[in-house]
């Protein structure tokens, strides 16, 4: 049992000692790729989404130096036909690239250290098969396989760490890619040496131009997870089970940690945050404790055309269009706002809707990170928006219609280049931006089915809140009285009074033809029920 060659199953044993969500179905997927044209897998996802857990699980399963049967008994993989066939049957090479970076005197030594250290361990187990002066890892592995018939399973954790930690060092990156190409270049040597390979990291495989640097790998990413979508994070059913067993409010957990909608499984939750909430019995922001907002600030601070506008719209709850194809899968090759937005998808700061080709801010944790990052970048308008949003909410509670209308005027003026006021949908976007901070105490539901139709916006208080339900009806080129009258006529109050008690009915109208310097385009009427 070594550090790089056959590291054993202790890492997975430690994971099982805590609260464990069964993700061993991933093993069956890898089993089905062994010694097939699909045997090279790269599965990228954000930090704190269980990448290292999966790598340790695969090591424990394939490593022939240990007996892991008891660890997997009762788990999903033990019920699969492939379980016995591949359990502890292979030499495993396990490379944690972040460890090599952290222990190197200079980052430029990393690639050389990988080859040197692994070859040294191989020589201990296979002393008669490796040339004394051998310095090429791919050749050492081939020599062993060719003479013994043994194949290797190669598992690389944080494969893209060099592209993140040495993002401006092109020479080192190319040296590293050459190492990987040597191991996985295809042909007779790779077929004879490698039974399967599994790489995990944050970024997809680096592109040079339009081509992948490692063309034989089958990739699964945050924009195209496909059959591996259930293993990106926690599924909704898994989170429901955790909440039920640990007496957590599922709706609050969903508000804070959901938001990554991936076909074909639907909602995917941030695993680290959910587990922190379970272990601490407290639902709060755990994202910034593991992922500092400075890195986000550096990217959204880039002055690409339209980037700031898109972020303000997303803070208001909108989704924005994105083109992901131009992203070069690194941290530096940015030419347009779409490249930055695509990076933020892979970092977990944005959720991607593949069907609509849009991005949005997934949940409250990440929204808080955006708020901190925009403040750091000196986006005064965001800080003002947050303060004005608090003031707007207070004015609404007080029933101060004039103050609400005035606040909406300010949002309109500040974001006139973003919000095009030509219909009620645009007015709805303005309201969502204006009531930005209300999300902390309300669940905001557009087009809420109630009474004889659909209320434009309903603000439902979150658990523990003593605030009233707010029903907001929007009108365009009419008047606020008409909006209030529609709420009553269509009985939008419905059963909300029964379940929540006090209500606030808020009618808002936008008049595009208001004339004069001091003309008010917004009018508001608030009625307490």
Protein backbone atom coordinates (compact mmCIF):
# COMPACT_ATOMS: atom_id res chain seq x y z
CA UNK A 1 0.00 0.00 0.00
CA UNK A 2 1.51 3.28 -1.08
CA UNK A 3 0.78 6.97 -1.50
CA UNK A 4 0.29 6.90 -5.27
CA UNK A 5 0.25 3.16 -6.11
CA UNK A 6 -2.61 1.30 -4.41
CA UNK A 7 -3.40 3.80 -1.62
CA UNK A 8 -5.92 1.46 0.01
CA UNK A 9 -9.43 2.09 1.33
CA UNK A 10 -8.84 4.13 4.49
CA UNK A 11 -10.05 7.35 2.85
CA UNK A 12 -13.42 5.80 2.00
CA UNK A 13 -13.65 4.18 5.43
CA UNK A 14 -13.37 7.64 6.99
CA UNK A 15 -16.14 8.96 4.75
CA UNK A 16 -18.46 6.11 5.78
CA UNK A 17 -17.88 6.92 9.44
CA UNK A 18 -19.89 10.11 8.97
CA UNK A 19 -23.35 10.73 7.48
CA UNK A 20 -23.08 9.16 4.04
CA UNK A 21 -25.28 9.68 0.98
CA UNK A 22 -24.88 6.65 -1.26
CA UNK A 23 -23.20 7.64 -4.53
CA UNK A 24 -21.70 4.22 -5.31
CA UNK A 25 -23.79 4.00 -8.48
CA UNK A 26 -20.92 5.97 -10.03
CA UNK A 27 -18.78 2.83 -9.68
CA UNK A 28 -21.17 0.87 -11.88
CA UNK A 29 -20.85 3.58 -14.53
CA UNK A 30 -17.04 3.32 -14.49
CA UNK A 31 -17.27 -0.49 -14.50
CA UNK A 32 -19.23 -0.36 -17.72
CA UNK A 33 -16.44 1.64 -19.36
CA UNK A 34 -13.57 -0.73 -18.44
CA UNK A 35 -11.61 -1.82 -21.51
CA UNK A 36 -14.06 -0.14 -23.86
CA UNK A 37 -13.55 2.89 -26.13
CA UNK A 38 -15.30 4.91 -23.38
CA UNK A 39 -12.83 3.96 -20.62
CA UNK A 40 -11.42 7.50 -20.18
CA UNK A 41 -13.78 9.68 -18.11
CA UNK A 42 -13.41 13.32 -17.03
CA UNK A 43 -16.11 14.53 -14.64
CA UNK A 44 -15.84 18.20 -13.63
CA UNK A 45 -17.93 20.05 -11.02
CA UNK A 46 -17.46 22.89 -8.49
CA UNK A 47 -15.53 22.85 -5.23
CA UNK A 48 -17.30 21.22 -2.30
CA UNK A 49 -19.42 19.05 -4.60
CA UNK A 50 -17.92 15.70 -3.54
CA UNK A 51 -15.16 15.24 -6.10
CA UNK A 52 -12.55 13.94 -3.66
CA UNK A 53 -15.11 11.70 -1.95
CA UNK A 54 -15.79 10.05 -5.30
CA UNK A 55 -12.07 9.61 -6.04
CA UNK A 56 -11.48 7.93 -2.66
CA UNK A 57 -14.50 5.70 -3.20
CA UNK A 58 -13.14 4.53 -6.56
CA UNK A 59 -9.72 3.88 -5.04
CA UNK A 60 -11.26 1.70 -2.33
CA UNK A 61 -13.26 -0.28 -4.86
CA UNK A 62 -10.57 -1.01 -7.48
CA UNK A 63 -7.40 -1.22 -5.33
CA UNK A 64 -6.20 -4.85 -5.30
CA UNK A 65 -4.00 -4.32 -2.23
CA UNK A 66 -7.02 -4.28 0.12
CA UNK A 67 -10.33 -6.06 0.76
CA UNK A 68 -13.18 -3.55 0.57
CA UNK A 69 -16.15 -5.90 0.29
CA UNK A 70 -17.51 -5.09 3.75
CA UNK A 71 -17.39 -1.33 3.03
CA UNK A 72 -19.70 -1.65 0.04
CA UNK A 73 -22.13 -4.25 1.38
CA UNK A 74 -25.66 -2.87 1.40
CA UNK A 75 -24.75 0.10 -0.82
CA UNK A 76 -26.11 0.57 -4.34
CA UNK A 77 -23.07 -0.89 -6.11
CA UNK A 78 -23.35 -4.19 -4.20
CA UNK A 79 -26.64 -4.83 -6.00
CA UNK A 80 -25.10 -4.40 -9.47
CA UNK A 81 -23.92 -7.26 -11.66
CA UNK A 82 -20.51 -5.64 -12.08
CA UNK A 83 -19.80 -5.54 -8.33
CA UNK A 84 -17.92 -8.81 -7.88
CA UNK A 85 -16.27 -8.74 -11.28
CA UNK A 86 -14.09 -5.68 -10.60
CA UNK A 87 -13.94 -5.41 -6.80
CA UNK A 88 -10.27 -5.03 -5.72
CA UNK A 89 -8.96 -6.36 -9.03
CA UNK A 90 -6.59 -3.64 -10.27
CA UNK A 91 -3.44 -1.73 -9.54
CA UNK A 92 -4.61 1.81 -8.85
CA UNK A 93 -2.59 4.96 -9.55
CA UNK A 94 -4.03 7.81 -7.49
CA UNK A 95 -2.81 11.36 -8.15
CA UNK A 96 -4.01 14.35 -6.11
CA UNK A 97 -2.60 17.22 -8.17
CA UNK A 98 -3.19 19.81 -5.43
CA UNK A 99 -0.96 17.77 -3.11
CA UNK A 100 1.86 17.79 -5.64
CA UNK A 101 1.50 21.57 -6.00
CA UNK A 102 1.48 22.19 -2.24
CA UNK A 103 4.58 20.05 -1.58
CA UNK A 104 6.70 21.28 -4.51
CA UNK A 105 9.44 23.82 -3.79
CA UNK A 106 8.50 25.45 -7.09
CA UNK A 107 5.34 24.88 -9.10
CA UNK A 108 7.56 24.30 -12.13
CA UNK A 109 8.71 21.04 -10.50
CA UNK A 110 5.23 19.55 -10.27
CA UNK A 111 5.16 17.54 -13.51
CA UNK A 112 8.64 16.16 -12.90
CA UNK A 113 7.73 15.26 -9.31
CA UNK A 114 4.62 13.37 -10.44
CA UNK A 115 6.64 11.16 -12.76
CA UNK A 116 9.55 10.71 -10.36
CA UNK A 117 7.49 9.87 -7.26
CA UNK A 118 5.12 7.46 -8.97
CA UNK A 119 7.94 5.64 -10.77
CA UNK A 120 9.75 5.20 -7.44
CA UNK A 121 6.70 3.48 -5.95
CA UNK A 122 6.21 1.35 -9.05
CA UNK A 123 9.84 0.23 -8.84
CA UNK A 124 9.28 -0.97 -5.25
CA UNK A 125 6.45 -3.30 -6.34
CA UNK A 126 7.83 -4.16 -9.78
CA UNK A 127 11.63 -3.90 -9.35
CA UNK A 128 12.62 -6.03 -12.33
CA UNK A 129 10.40 -4.45 -14.95
CA UNK A 130 11.43 -0.76 -14.97
CA UNK A 131 14.71 0.53 -16.41
CA UNK A 132 17.04 2.06 -13.85
CA UNK A 133 17.05 5.47 -15.52
CA UNK A 134 13.39 5.47 -16.54
CA UNK A 135 11.85 8.95 -16.09
CA UNK A 136 8.72 8.71 -18.27
CA UNK A 137 5.71 7.46 -16.32
CA UNK A 138 3.80 6.25 -19.37
CA UNK A 139 6.77 4.09 -20.43
CA UNK A 140 7.14 2.63 -16.93
CA UNK A 141 3.47 1.63 -16.81
CA UNK A 142 3.64 0.11 -20.27
CA UNK A 143 6.72 -1.93 -19.38
CA UNK A 144 4.92 -3.42 -16.35
CA UNK A 145 1.69 -4.19 -18.23
CA UNK A 146 3.50 -5.61 -21.25
CA UNK A 147 5.55 -8.04 -19.14
CA UNK A 148 2.97 -8.97 -16.45
CA UNK A 149 -0.40 -8.51 -18.12
CA UNK A 150 -1.52 -6.32 -15.21
CA UNK A 151 -3.63 -3.28 -16.05
CA UNK A 152 -4.00 -0.03 -14.14
CA UNK A 153 -6.94 2.10 -13.10
CA UNK A 154 -5.75 5.71 -12.99
CA UNK A 155 -7.64 8.17 -10.77
CA UNK A 156 -6.66 11.85 -10.90
CA UNK A 157 -8.20 14.22 -8.36
CA UNK A 158 -8.20 17.99 -9.08
CA UNK A 159 -6.76 17.27 -12.50
CA UNK A 160 -7.08 20.96 -13.49
CA UNK A 161 -5.29 22.41 -10.42
CA UNK A 162 -2.31 23.50 -12.54
CA UNK A 163 -4.61 25.52 -14.80
CA UNK A 164 -6.06 27.21 -11.71
CA UNK A 165 -2.97 27.67 -9.55
CA UNK A 166 -0.53 28.49 -12.36
CA UNK A 167 -3.06 30.03 -14.71
CA UNK A 168 -0.52 32.24 -16.51
CA UNK A 169 2.24 29.64 -16.86
CA UNK A 170 1.71 28.38 -20.42
CA UNK A 171 4.92 26.35 -20.46
CA UNK A 172 3.98 24.39 -17.31
CA UNK A 173 0.46 23.80 -18.57
CA UNK A 174 1.75 22.40 -21.86
CA UNK A 175 4.23 20.18 -20.03
CA UNK A 176 1.38 18.83 -17.91
CA UNK A 177 -0.84 18.22 -20.93
CA UNK A 178 2.02 16.31 -22.57
CA UNK A 179 2.22 14.08 -19.48
CA UNK A 180 -1.50 13.33 -19.73
CA UNK A 181 -1.30 12.77 -23.46
CA UNK A 182 1.50 10.31 -22.90
CA UNK A 183 -0.65 8.35 -20.47
CA UNK A 184 -3.89 8.54 -22.43
CA UNK A 185 -2.90 9.04 -26.06
CA UNK A 186 -4.73 5.92 -27.26
CA UNK A 187 -3.36 3.11 -29.38
CA UNK A 188 -1.83 -0.20 -28.33
CA UNK A 189 0.13 1.12 -25.35
CA UNK A 190 -2.87 2.73 -23.68
CA UNK A 191 -5.14 -0.23 -24.45
CA UNK A 192 -2.65 -2.65 -22.92
CA UNK A 193 -1.83 -0.50 -19.89
CA UNK A 194 -5.05 1.19 -18.76
CA UNK A 195 -8.29 -0.57 -17.88
CA UNK A 196 -10.01 2.73 -17.03
CA UNK A 197 -9.20 6.30 -16.05
CA UNK A 198 -11.27 8.76 -14.04
CA UNK A 199 -10.30 12.43 -13.74
CA UNK A 200 -12.17 14.94 -11.65
CA UNK A 201 -11.74 18.68 -11.29
CA UNK A 202 -13.54 21.99 -11.64
CA UNK A 203 -12.74 22.95 -15.23
CA UNK A 204 -13.49 20.94 -18.35
CA UNK A 205 -10.49 19.75 -20.35
CA UNK A 206 -8.46 22.64 -21.75
CA UNK A 207 -9.22 23.62 -25.33
CA UNK A 208 -6.69 24.91 -27.81
CA UNK A 209 -8.74 26.69 -30.42
CA UNK A 210 -11.82 24.52 -30.87
CA UNK A 211 -10.18 21.18 -30.03
CA UNK A 212 -9.86 19.42 -26.68
CA UNK A 213 -6.30 18.84 -25.48
CA UNK A 214 -7.23 15.24 -24.58
CA UNK A 215 -9.48 14.11 -27.38
CA UNK A 216 -10.04 10.52 -26.18
CA UNK A 217 -11.70 11.54 -22.90
CA UNK A 218 -15.46 11.44 -22.49
CA UNK A 219 -16.43 14.59 -20.62
CA UNK A 220 -19.24 15.30 -18.17
CA UNK A 221 -19.52 18.90 -16.96
CA UNK A 222 -21.86 21.40 -15.31
CA UNK A 223 -23.17 22.35 -18.75
CA UNK A 224 -23.49 18.74 -19.96
CA UNK A 225 -23.63 16.26 -17.05
CA UNK A 226 -25.83 13.80 -18.95
CA UNK A 227 -25.90 10.33 -17.32
CA UNK A 228 -23.69 11.52 -14.44
CA UNK A 229 -26.13 14.26 -13.37
CA UNK A 230 -27.22 12.31 -10.23
CA UNK A 231 -23.59 12.35 -9.03
CA UNK A 232 -22.95 16.09 -9.47
CA UNK A 233 -24.45 16.81 -6.05
CA UNK A 234 -27.38 15.73 -3.88
CA UNK A 235 -30.68 15.01 -5.62
CA UNK A 236 -33.93 16.40 -4.26
CA UNK A 237 -34.99 12.99 -2.92
CA UNK A 238 -31.67 12.58 -1.13
CA UNK A 239 -32.11 16.01 0.49
CA UNK A 240 -35.71 15.23 1.44
CA UNK A 241 -34.50 12.06 3.18
CA UNK A 242 -31.75 13.94 5.03
CA UNK A 243 -34.18 16.62 6.18
CA UNK A 244 -36.70 14.04 7.35
CA UNK A 245 -34.10 12.07 9.33
CA UNK A 246 -32.50 15.17 10.85
CA UNK A 247 -35.55 17.38 11.51
CA UNK A 248 -34.58 20.13 9.06
CA UNK A 249 -37.02 22.43 7.25
CA UNK A 250 -36.85 21.21 3.66
CA UNK A 251 -38.22 24.45 2.17
CA UNK A 252 -35.49 26.47 3.88
CA UNK A 253 -32.82 24.00 2.77
CA UNK A 254 -34.14 24.34 -0.78
CA UNK A 255 -34.07 28.14 -0.59
CA UNK A 256 -30.44 28.20 0.56
CA UNK A 257 -28.81 25.32 -1.32
CA UNK A 258 -30.90 24.30 -4.36
CA UNK A 259 -30.88 25.89 -7.79
CA UNK A 260 -28.73 23.68 -10.02
CA UNK A 261 -31.30 22.15 -12.34
CA UNK A 262 -29.73 19.36 -14.37
CA UNK A 263 -31.39 17.06 -16.86
CA UNK A 264 -32.46 14.32 -16.43
CA UNK A 265 -32.65 14.40 -12.60
CA UNK A 266 -33.98 17.91 -11.91
CA UNK A 267 -32.82 19.81 -8.82
CA UNK A 268 -29.28 19.28 -7.58
CA UNK A 269 -28.14 20.69 -4.21
CA UNK A 270 -24.76 21.86 -2.97
CA UNK A 271 -23.57 18.78 -0.98
CA UNK A 272 -21.14 20.48 1.38
CA UNK A 273 -23.69 23.09 2.45
CA UNK A 274 -26.45 20.53 3.00
CA UNK A 275 -24.15 18.33 5.09
CA UNK A 276 -22.99 21.32 7.13
CA UNK A 277 -26.63 22.19 7.85
CA UNK A 278 -27.35 18.57 8.85
CA UNK A 279 -24.31 18.27 11.11
CA UNK A 280 -24.73 21.69 12.76
CA UNK A 281 -28.54 21.61 12.86
CA UNK A 282 -28.45 25.15 11.47
CA UNK A 283 -29.44 26.46 8.03
CA UNK A 284 -27.21 29.35 7.07
CA UNK A 285 -24.66 30.47 4.49
CA UNK A 286 -21.80 27.95 4.36
CA UNK A 287 -20.65 28.85 0.85
CA UNK A 288 -18.43 31.79 1.78
CA UNK A 289 -16.68 29.73 4.45
CA UNK A 290 -15.36 27.42 1.75
CA UNK A 291 -15.31 29.66 -1.31
CA UNK A 292 -14.19 33.24 -0.65
CA UNK A 293 -15.87 35.99 -2.60
CA UNK A 294 -12.57 37.56 -3.71
CA UNK A 295 -12.24 35.06 -6.56
CA UNK A 296 -15.76 35.87 -7.74
CA UNK A 297 -15.06 39.59 -7.48
CA UNK A 298 -12.03 39.32 -9.75
CA UNK A 299 -14.14 37.86 -12.55
CA UNK A 300 -17.28 39.95 -12.33
CA UNK A 301 -15.05 43.01 -12.05
CA UNK A 302 -13.89 42.47 -15.64
CA UNK A 303 -15.26 45.26 -17.76
CA UNK A 304 -16.75 43.23 -20.59
CA UNK A 305 -19.67 44.77 -22.41
CA UNK A 306 -22.98 43.84 -20.81
CA UNK A 307 -21.52 41.82 -17.90
CA UNK A 308 -22.55 44.24 -15.15
CA UNK A 309 -26.05 44.60 -16.59
CA UNK A 310 -26.50 40.84 -16.71
CA UNK A 311 -25.41 40.42 -13.09
CA UNK A 312 -27.82 43.11 -11.91
CA UNK A 313 -30.62 41.37 -13.81
CA UNK A 314 -29.70 38.02 -12.22
CA UNK A 315 -29.65 39.61 -8.76
CA UNK A 316 -33.20 40.64 -9.55
CA UNK A 317 -34.12 37.01 -10.16
CA UNK A 318 -33.89 36.95 -13.95
CA UNK A 319 -32.12 34.43 -16.17
CA UNK A 320 -29.88 35.77 -18.95
CA UNK A 321 -28.77 34.27 -22.25
CA UNK A 322 -25.26 32.86 -22.55
CA UNK A 323 -23.14 31.34 -25.31
CA UNK A 324 -20.89 28.68 -23.79
CA UNK A 325 -19.06 27.45 -26.91
CA UNK A 326 -16.30 30.10 -26.97
CA UNK A 327 -14.98 29.33 -23.46
CA UNK A 328 -11.46 27.85 -23.62
CA UNK A 329 -11.75 26.00 -20.29
CA UNK A 330 -9.12 27.99 -18.42
CA UNK A 331 -8.96 30.99 -16.10
CA UNK A 332 -7.44 33.55 -18.47
CA UNK A 333 -8.65 33.21 -22.07
CA UNK A 334 -11.59 35.61 -21.86
CA UNK A 335 -12.74 37.60 -24.87
CA UNK A 336 -16.34 38.44 -24.00
CA UNK A 337 -18.84 38.38 -21.14
CA UNK A 338 -20.07 34.92 -22.17
CA UNK A 339 -16.65 33.45 -21.36
CA UNK A 340 -16.81 34.87 -17.82
CA UNK A 341 -20.39 33.66 -17.32
CA UNK A 342 -19.42 30.17 -18.53
CA UNK A 343 -16.51 30.03 -16.08
CA UNK A 344 -18.92 31.00 -13.28
CA UNK A 345 -21.13 28.04 -14.26
CA UNK A 346 -18.20 25.65 -13.76
CA UNK A 347 -17.24 27.33 -10.48
CA UNK A 348 -20.78 26.84 -9.18
CA UNK A 349 -21.71 30.53 -9.02
CA UNK A 350 -24.31 30.23 -11.78
CA UNK A 351 -26.81 27.58 -12.79
CA UNK A 352 -27.11 26.70 -16.48
CA UNK A 353 -30.38 25.83 -18.21
CA UNK A 354 -29.29 23.79 -21.23
CA UNK A 355 -32.73 23.85 -22.87
CA UNK A 356 -33.08 27.65 -22.71
CA UNK A 357 -29.32 28.41 -22.89
CA UNK A 358 -29.60 30.78 -19.93
CA UNK A 359 -27.83 31.28 -16.61
CA UNK A 360 -29.17 32.42 -13.25
CA UNK A 361 -28.02 32.73 -9.65
CA UNK A 362 -28.97 29.37 -8.11
CA UNK A 363 -29.76 30.09 -4.46
CA UNK A 364 -29.47 32.46 -1.51
CA UNK A 365 -25.96 31.33 -0.55
CA UNK A 366 -24.60 32.31 -3.93
CA UNK A 367 -26.70 35.48 -4.09
CA UNK A 368 -24.99 36.57 -0.86
CA UNK A 369 -21.60 35.88 -2.44
CA UNK A 370 -22.53 38.08 -5.42
CA UNK A 371 -23.63 40.82 -3.04
CA UNK A 372 -20.28 40.71 -1.22
CA UNK A 373 -18.31 40.56 -4.46
CA UNK A 374 -20.07 43.51 -6.09
CA UNK A 375 -19.48 45.52 -2.94
CA UNK A 376 -15.76 44.68 -3.06
CA UNK A 377 -15.60 45.71 -6.71
CA UNK A 378 -16.98 49.14 -5.87
CA UNK A 379 -20.30 48.62 -7.57
CA UNK A 380 -21.97 51.45 -5.70
CA UNK A 381 -25.24 50.92 -7.50
CA UNK A 382 -25.54 47.41 -6.03
CA UNK A 383 -24.93 48.66 -2.50
CA UNK A 384 -27.49 51.39 -3.09
CA UNK A 385 -29.90 48.83 -4.53
CA UNK A 386 -29.65 46.68 -1.40
CA UNK A 387 -30.19 49.66 0.92
CA UNK A 388 -33.04 50.99 -1.19
CA UNK A 389 -34.57 47.51 -1.30
CA UNK A 390 -34.62 47.42 2.50
CA UNK A 391 -36.20 50.89 2.56
CA UNK A 392 -38.78 49.84 -0.06
CA UNK A 393 -39.81 46.81 1.98
CA UNK A 394 -40.21 48.94 5.12
CA UNK A 395 -42.32 51.46 3.19
CA UNK A 396 -44.53 48.65 1.90
CA UNK A 397 -45.09 47.32 5.43
CA UNK A 398 -46.02 50.84 6.57
CA UNK A 399 -48.49 51.18 3.72
CA UNK A 400 -46.61 54.23 2.40
CA UNK A 401 -47.72 54.14 -1.25
CA UNK A 402 -45.91 57.34 -2.21
CA UNK A 403 -42.58 56.05 -0.86
CA UNK A 404 -43.02 52.76 -2.73
CA UNK A 405 -43.75 54.58 -6.00
CA UNK A 406 -40.75 56.87 -5.47
CA UNK A 407 -38.46 53.88 -4.80
CA UNK A 408 -39.61 52.21 -8.00
CA UNK A 409 -38.87 55.41 -9.89
CA UNK A 410 -35.26 55.22 -8.64
CA UNK A 411 -34.90 51.59 -9.73
CA UNK A 412 -36.26 52.52 -13.13
CA UNK A 413 -33.85 55.42 -13.51
CA UNK A 414 -30.83 53.43 -12.30
CA UNK A 415 -31.52 50.47 -14.59
CA UNK A 416 -33.17 52.07 -17.60
CA UNK A 417 -30.56 50.56 -19.93
CA UNK A 418 -31.36 47.09 -18.58
CA UNK A 419 -35.12 47.20 -18.14
CA UNK A 420 -37.17 48.06 -21.20
CA UNK A 421 -40.55 49.25 -19.97
CA UNK A 422 -42.87 48.18 -22.75
CA UNK A 423 -45.04 45.57 -21.01
CA UNK A 424 -45.98 44.09 -17.65
CA UNK A 425 -43.21 41.48 -17.89
CA UNK A 426 -40.59 44.24 -17.87
CA UNK A 427 -42.35 45.89 -14.95
CA UNK A 428 -42.23 42.55 -13.11
CA UNK A 429 -38.45 42.44 -13.63
CA UNK A 430 -38.16 45.90 -12.12
CA UNK A 431 -40.19 44.82 -9.08
CA UNK A 432 -38.01 41.73 -8.59
CA UNK A 433 -34.87 43.89 -8.61
CA UNK A 434 -36.44 46.49 -6.34
CA UNK A 435 -37.48 43.88 -3.77
CA UNK A 436 -34.12 42.11 -3.96
CA UNK A 437 -33.57 41.79 -0.18
CA UNK A 438 -37.13 40.57 0.43
CA UNK A 439 -36.01 37.06 -0.56
CA UNK A 440 -34.48 36.56 2.85
CA UNK A 441 -37.89 36.63 4.53
CA UNK A 442 -40.17 35.78 1.59
CA UNK A 443 -40.56 33.14 -1.04
CA UNK A 444 -41.48 35.19 -4.12
CA UNK A 445 -43.76 33.31 -6.53
CA UNK A 446 -44.51 34.83 -9.97
CA UNK A 447 -47.83 33.95 -11.61
CA UNK A 448 -49.23 32.45 -8.40
CA UNK A 449 -52.38 30.36 -9.09
CA UNK A 450 -55.12 31.65 -6.82
CA UNK A 451 -58.82 32.43 -6.99
CA UNK A 452 -59.99 32.92 -10.59
CA UNK A 453 -56.57 33.30 -12.15
CA UNK A 454 -52.92 34.04 -11.46
CA UNK A 455 -51.64 36.81 -9.22
CA UNK A 456 -48.61 38.54 -10.78
CA UNK A 457 -46.40 38.18 -7.70
CA UNK A 458 -47.09 36.67 -4.29
CA UNK A 459 -44.65 37.07 -1.39
CA UNK A 460 -45.06 34.13 1.00
CA UNK A 461 -43.39 34.53 4.42
CA UNK A 462 -40.65 32.04 5.23
CA UNK A 463 -40.83 29.96 8.39
CA UNK A 464 -40.27 32.05 11.49
CA UNK A 465 -41.28 35.31 9.82
CA UNK A 466 -44.11 37.40 11.28
CA UNK A 467 -44.49 39.50 8.12
CA UNK A 468 -47.75 39.55 6.13
CA UNK A 469 -48.34 37.87 2.79
CA UNK A 470 -48.02 40.40 -0.04
CA UNK A 471 -50.04 40.08 -3.24
CA UNK A 472 -48.63 42.36 -5.92
CA UNK A 473 -50.63 43.09 -9.06
CA UNK A 474 -49.00 45.00 -11.92
CA UNK A 475 -50.59 47.21 -14.53
CA UNK A 476 -49.24 49.00 -17.58
CA UNK A 477 -50.75 52.31 -18.74
CA UNK A 478 -53.79 51.89 -16.48
CA UNK A 479 -53.82 52.79 -12.77
CA UNK A 480 -53.06 51.29 -9.35
CA UNK A 481 -56.77 51.27 -8.44
CA UNK A 482 -57.41 48.88 -11.33
CA UNK A 483 -54.70 46.58 -10.02
CA UNK A 484 -56.25 46.45 -6.51
CA UNK A 485 -59.71 45.95 -7.98
CA UNK A 486 -58.48 42.97 -10.02
CA UNK A 487 -57.09 41.34 -6.87
CA UNK A 488 -60.53 41.55 -5.26
CA UNK A 489 -62.54 40.62 -8.35
CA UNK A 490 -60.43 37.55 -9.07
CA UNK A 491 -60.28 36.64 -5.36
CA UNK A 492 -56.50 36.36 -5.32
CA UNK A 493 -56.64 36.48 -1.52
CA UNK A 494 -58.21 33.02 -1.68
CA UNK A 495 -57.18 30.87 1.26
CA UNK A 496 -54.09 32.94 1.96
CA UNK A 497 -55.93 34.82 4.72
CA UNK A 498 -56.89 31.51 6.31
CA UNK A 499 -53.33 30.21 6.43
CA UNK A 500 -51.32 33.38 6.94
CA UNK A 501 -53.60 35.93 8.60
CA UNK A 502 -52.77 39.51 7.58
CA UNK A 503 -52.31 40.38 3.91
CA UNK A 504 -50.97 43.37 2.03
CA UNK A 505 -52.49 44.02 -1.39
CA UNK A 506 -50.11 46.08 -3.52
CA UNK A 507 -51.24 47.54 -6.83
CA UNK A 508 -48.54 49.06 -9.05
CA UNK A 509 -48.99 50.83 -12.37
CA UNK A 510 -46.44 52.10 -14.88
CA UNK A 511 -47.43 55.00 -17.12
CA UNK A 512 -45.11 55.24 -20.11
CA UNK A 513 -46.70 58.51 -21.28
CA UNK A 514 -46.16 60.47 -18.05
CA UNK A 515 -45.09 63.97 -19.10
CA UNK A 516 -42.82 66.58 -17.58
CA UNK A 517 -39.57 66.57 -15.64
CA UNK A 518 -41.25 65.74 -12.36
CA UNK A 519 -43.85 63.38 -13.79
CA UNK A 520 -44.23 60.10 -11.92
CA UNK A 521 -44.32 57.05 -14.15
CA UNK A 522 -45.06 54.71 -11.25
CA UNK A 523 -48.10 54.84 -9.02
CA UNK A 524 -48.92 52.58 -6.10
CA UNK A 525 -51.85 51.72 -3.89
CA UNK A 526 -51.53 49.53 -0.77
CA UNK A 527 -54.44 47.96 1.05
CA UNK A 528 -54.18 46.05 4.32
CA UNK A 529 -56.48 43.05 4.74
